[in-house]
Amino acid sequence: MTEQKTEKTEQKKKRHFLVRAFRKAMFTTLAVCGLYTGWYAALYAGRGQKLTNGETELVKGIFGDEINPSKIRKHFRSESSIAHVLPSKAGMVPPPFSHIDFYGTKVHSRDYSRDTKRNFGLFLHEATHTWQGQTMTFPMKNIGVYEYTLTKNSRFNDFGTEQQAEIIEDYAQTWLYKDPKAKPHTAQDTLLFKVVEKRFPRAHKTRVQFQKTGTIRI
């Protein structure tokens, strides 16, 4: 009898412990959600600039109907607002992935579709993250890795979150940007458009149109 009472007592203690742990976890989760909601409302809700017509056509020209550019907003922030956390960061897309932060006046632009090659690419890098957010596509591989290597067997979905954004950035700078100083295309450039256009058929039409007319029109 004593052993049974002891066992029941231990089981009761375990249940109480689990209940307390669950309540604590729920409270912490709600607190974090509350703080994030307040932070988001203060910095993002109802704020930001809409994409220009050129930016909209550029984004649709790659991702097609898989993205809704009307939901995307741009925010121009000072470089110092993120330098102490991520000193090399020029752009960021915080959850829920419909707002793009651009840090520092060098990367602020009235229209990224008509800007420098660097800002043109940066915009599409961050736009890729908004596509990932809108489609809930976040590859849980190679987290935080930007560098990538392409082969003839590479597929876009094989790469991590930042790698995908880098691939789109490089693709756009290589195939959709007017650069009078551009060097002849390489075999790697060809792999680049094959990987992107196999995943995004709309991008193929856009590239062909750009090569013929020098413009992007949806």
Protein backbone atom coordinates (compact mmCIF):
# COMPACT_ATOMS: atom_id res chain seq x y z
CA MET A 1 0.00 0.00 0.00
CA THR A 2 2.81 2.36 0.90
CA GLU A 3 4.50 1.75 -2.46
CA GLN A 4 1.21 2.39 -4.31
CA LYS A 5 0.67 5.66 -2.44
CA THR A 6 4.23 6.71 -3.20
CA GLU A 7 3.77 5.93 -6.90
CA LYS A 8 0.47 7.85 -7.02
CA THR A 9 2.10 10.78 -5.26
CA GLU A 10 4.94 10.83 -7.80
CA GLN A 11 2.50 10.65 -10.70
CA LYS A 12 0.50 13.51 -9.20
CA LYS A 13 3.67 15.59 -8.84
CA LYS A 14 4.57 14.92 -12.47
CA ARG A 15 1.10 15.98 -13.63
CA HIS A 16 1.31 19.18 -11.60
CA PHE A 17 4.78 19.86 -13.00
CA LEU A 18 3.61 19.35 -16.59
CA VAL A 19 0.57 21.56 -16.05
CA ARG A 20 2.72 24.35 -14.58
CA ALA A 21 5.24 24.01 -17.41
CA PHE A 22 2.47 24.15 -20.01
CA ARG A 23 0.91 27.22 -18.41
CA LYS A 24 4.29 28.93 -18.25
CA ALA A 25 4.98 28.15 -21.90
CA MET A 26 1.56 29.43 -22.94
CA PHE A 27 2.00 32.63 -20.91
CA THR A 28 5.43 33.22 -22.43
CA THR A 29 4.10 32.59 -25.95
CA LEU A 30 1.18 34.98 -25.44
CA ALA A 31 3.50 37.61 -23.98
CA VAL A 32 5.89 37.36 -26.93
CA CYS A 33 2.97 37.49 -29.39
CA GLY A 34 1.61 40.53 -27.59
CA LEU A 35 4.94 42.32 -27.69
CA TYR A 36 5.45 41.46 -31.35
CA THR A 37 1.93 42.62 -32.24
CA GLY A 38 2.56 45.95 -30.52
CA TRP A 39 5.96 46.33 -32.19
CA TYR A 40 4.53 45.44 -35.59
CA ALA A 41 1.60 47.84 -35.21
CA ALA A 42 3.93 50.67 -34.23
CA LEU A 43 6.39 50.19 -37.09
CA TYR A 44 4.48 48.58 -39.95
CA ALA A 45 0.68 48.41 -39.78
CA GLY A 46 -0.78 50.86 -42.28
CA ARG A 47 2.65 52.25 -43.10
CA GLY A 48 5.17 52.04 -45.91
CA GLN A 49 5.26 52.87 -49.61
CA LYS A 50 3.57 50.80 -52.28
CA LEU A 51 5.63 49.40 -55.13
CA THR A 52 5.98 51.53 -58.24
CA ASN A 53 4.58 50.28 -61.54
CA GLY A 54 8.08 49.31 -62.63
CA GLU A 55 8.75 47.39 -59.42
CA THR A 56 5.40 45.65 -59.67
CA GLU A 57 6.07 44.55 -63.24
CA LEU A 58 9.53 43.36 -62.27
CA VAL A 59 8.25 41.23 -59.39
CA LYS A 60 5.36 39.83 -61.42
CA GLY A 61 7.73 39.31 -64.32
CA ILE A 62 9.66 36.75 -62.28
CA PHE A 63 7.20 35.21 -59.83
CA GLY A 64 4.06 35.49 -61.95
CA ASP A 65 0.79 34.83 -60.16
CA GLU A 66 2.60 33.32 -57.17
CA ILE A 67 3.04 36.77 -55.65
CA ASN A 68 0.74 39.69 -54.89
CA PRO A 69 2.81 42.89 -55.21
CA SER A 70 -0.06 45.05 -53.92
CA LYS A 71 0.54 43.64 -50.43
CA ILE A 72 4.22 44.62 -50.37
CA ARG A 73 5.32 47.83 -48.64
CA LYS A 74 8.73 49.51 -48.61
CA HIS A 75 10.22 51.21 -45.55
CA PHE A 76 13.31 53.41 -45.67
CA ARG A 77 15.21 53.39 -42.39
CA SER A 78 18.48 54.79 -41.15
CA GLU A 79 21.55 52.61 -41.27
CA SER A 80 22.09 53.09 -37.52
CA SER A 81 18.76 51.40 -36.72
CA ILE A 82 20.25 48.00 -37.51
CA ALA A 83 24.02 48.51 -37.55
CA HIS A 84 24.43 47.40 -33.94
CA VAL A 85 22.69 44.09 -34.68
CA LEU A 86 23.56 43.28 -38.30
CA PRO A 87 26.26 45.71 -39.45
CA SER A 88 26.36 44.45 -43.05
CA LYS A 89 22.60 44.26 -43.55
CA ALA A 90 21.11 46.48 -46.27
CA GLY A 91 17.61 45.01 -46.35
CA MET A 92 15.32 42.84 -44.28
CA VAL A 93 11.83 41.35 -44.50
CA PRO A 94 10.37 40.78 -41.01
CA PRO A 95 7.35 38.55 -40.36
CA PRO A 96 4.66 38.53 -41.71
CA PHE A 97 6.87 39.05 -44.76
CA SER A 98 4.94 41.79 -46.55
CA HIS A 99 7.15 44.72 -45.53
CA ILE A 100 10.70 45.35 -46.77
CA ASP A 101 13.08 47.44 -44.68
CA PHE A 102 15.92 49.18 -46.51
CA TYR A 103 18.73 50.44 -44.27
CA GLY A 104 20.87 53.43 -45.20
CA THR A 105 20.45 56.19 -47.77
CA LYS A 106 22.66 54.36 -50.28
CA VAL A 107 19.99 51.72 -50.75
CA HIS A 108 16.96 54.02 -50.61
CA SER A 109 15.29 54.41 -53.99
CA ARG A 110 12.22 56.00 -55.53
CA ASP A 111 12.05 53.15 -58.03
CA TYR A 112 14.27 50.09 -57.71
CA SER A 113 13.39 48.95 -61.21
CA ARG A 114 15.31 51.97 -62.56
CA ASP A 115 18.12 52.17 -60.01
CA THR A 116 21.71 51.01 -59.82
CA LYS A 117 22.53 47.38 -60.46
CA ARG A 118 23.20 46.83 -56.77
CA ASN A 119 19.88 48.29 -55.61
CA PHE A 120 18.02 46.57 -58.45
CA GLY A 121 19.37 43.24 -57.22
CA LEU A 122 18.83 44.04 -53.54
CA PHE A 123 15.18 44.82 -54.17
CA LEU A 124 14.62 41.47 -55.88
CA HIS A 125 16.56 39.64 -53.18
CA GLU A 126 14.15 41.02 -50.57
CA ALA A 127 11.16 40.54 -52.88
CA THR A 128 12.06 36.85 -52.97
CA HIS A 129 11.58 36.75 -49.21
CA THR A 130 8.12 38.29 -49.61
CA TRP A 131 7.33 35.56 -52.16
CA GLN A 132 8.53 32.98 -49.65
CA GLY A 133 6.27 34.55 -47.04
CA GLN A 134 3.20 34.78 -49.25
CA THR A 135 3.56 31.17 -50.38
CA MET A 136 4.79 29.93 -46.98
CA THR A 137 7.86 28.49 -48.68
CA PHE A 138 10.78 28.48 -46.26
CA PRO A 139 13.34 25.76 -47.04
CA MET A 140 14.74 24.52 -43.73
CA LYS A 141 18.18 23.80 -45.16
CA ASN A 142 21.44 25.73 -45.38
CA ILE A 143 20.00 28.32 -42.99
CA GLY A 144 21.91 31.59 -43.13
CA VAL A 145 23.98 30.46 -46.13
CA TYR A 146 24.07 32.86 -49.08
CA GLU A 147 26.65 31.21 -51.33
CA TYR A 148 25.45 28.58 -53.78
CA THR A 149 26.79 26.33 -56.53
CA LEU A 150 24.80 25.45 -59.63
CA THR A 151 25.08 22.27 -61.68
CA LYS A 152 23.06 20.97 -64.61
CA ASN A 153 20.98 18.98 -62.11
CA SER A 154 20.27 21.85 -59.73
CA ARG A 155 16.68 22.75 -58.90
CA PHE A 156 15.53 26.00 -57.31
CA ASN A 157 13.78 24.17 -54.48
CA ASP A 158 17.05 22.44 -53.54
CA PHE A 159 18.41 25.67 -52.06
CA GLY A 160 17.95 27.41 -48.73
CA THR A 161 16.02 30.58 -48.00
CA GLU A 162 18.88 33.03 -48.50
CA GLN A 163 20.37 31.02 -51.36
CA GLN A 164 17.09 31.30 -53.26
CA ALA A 165 17.08 35.05 -52.74
CA GLU A 166 20.69 35.27 -53.96
CA ILE A 167 19.85 33.20 -57.04
CA ILE A 168 16.96 35.52 -57.96
CA GLU A 169 19.15 38.57 -57.30
CA ASP A 170 21.92 37.25 -59.55
CA TYR A 171 19.45 36.15 -62.21
CA ALA A 172 17.82 39.57 -62.36
CA GLN A 173 21.12 41.44 -62.45
CA THR A 174 22.45 39.14 -65.17
CA TRP A 175 19.42 38.76 -67.43
CA LEU A 176 16.98 41.60 -66.67
CA TYR A 177 19.24 44.61 -66.16
CA LYS A 178 20.67 46.96 -68.78
CA ASP A 179 24.39 47.06 -68.06
CA PRO A 180 26.60 48.58 -70.76
CA LYS A 181 29.64 47.18 -68.95
CA ALA A 182 28.28 43.65 -68.78
CA LYS A 183 30.66 40.89 -69.79
CA PRO A 184 29.68 38.08 -72.21
CA HIS A 185 27.45 35.49 -70.59
CA THR A 186 29.12 32.43 -69.12
CA ALA A 187 28.05 28.81 -68.74
CA GLN A 188 27.20 29.64 -65.12
CA ASP A 189 24.86 32.40 -66.32
CA THR A 190 23.08 29.87 -68.51
CA LEU A 191 22.65 27.50 -65.57
CA LEU A 192 21.28 30.43 -63.61
CA PHE A 193 18.42 31.17 -65.99
CA LYS A 194 17.66 27.47 -66.45
CA VAL A 195 17.28 26.94 -62.69
CA VAL A 196 15.11 30.03 -62.23
CA GLU A 197 12.97 29.68 -65.33
CA LYS A 198 12.24 26.01 -64.77
CA ARG A 199 10.73 26.97 -61.42
CA PHE A 200 9.15 30.23 -62.61
CA PRO A 201 7.90 29.95 -66.23
CA ARG A 202 6.86 33.61 -66.21
CA ALA A 203 10.53 34.57 -65.83
CA HIS A 204 11.34 32.90 -69.15
CA LYS A 205 8.78 35.05 -71.00
CA THR A 206 10.09 38.15 -69.24
CA ARG A 207 13.72 37.44 -70.13
CA VAL A 208 12.91 36.79 -73.79
CA GLN A 209 10.88 39.99 -73.94
CA PHE A 210 13.67 41.96 -72.27
CA GLN A 211 16.25 40.63 -74.72
CA LYS A 212 14.06 41.72 -77.64
CA THR A 213 12.79 45.08 -76.40
CA GLY A 214 14.93 46.06 -73.42
CA THR A 215 11.77 46.53 -71.35
CA ILE A 216 9.68 44.54 -68.90
CA ARG A 217 5.92 44.76 -69.41
CA ILE A 218 3.36 42.43 -67.90
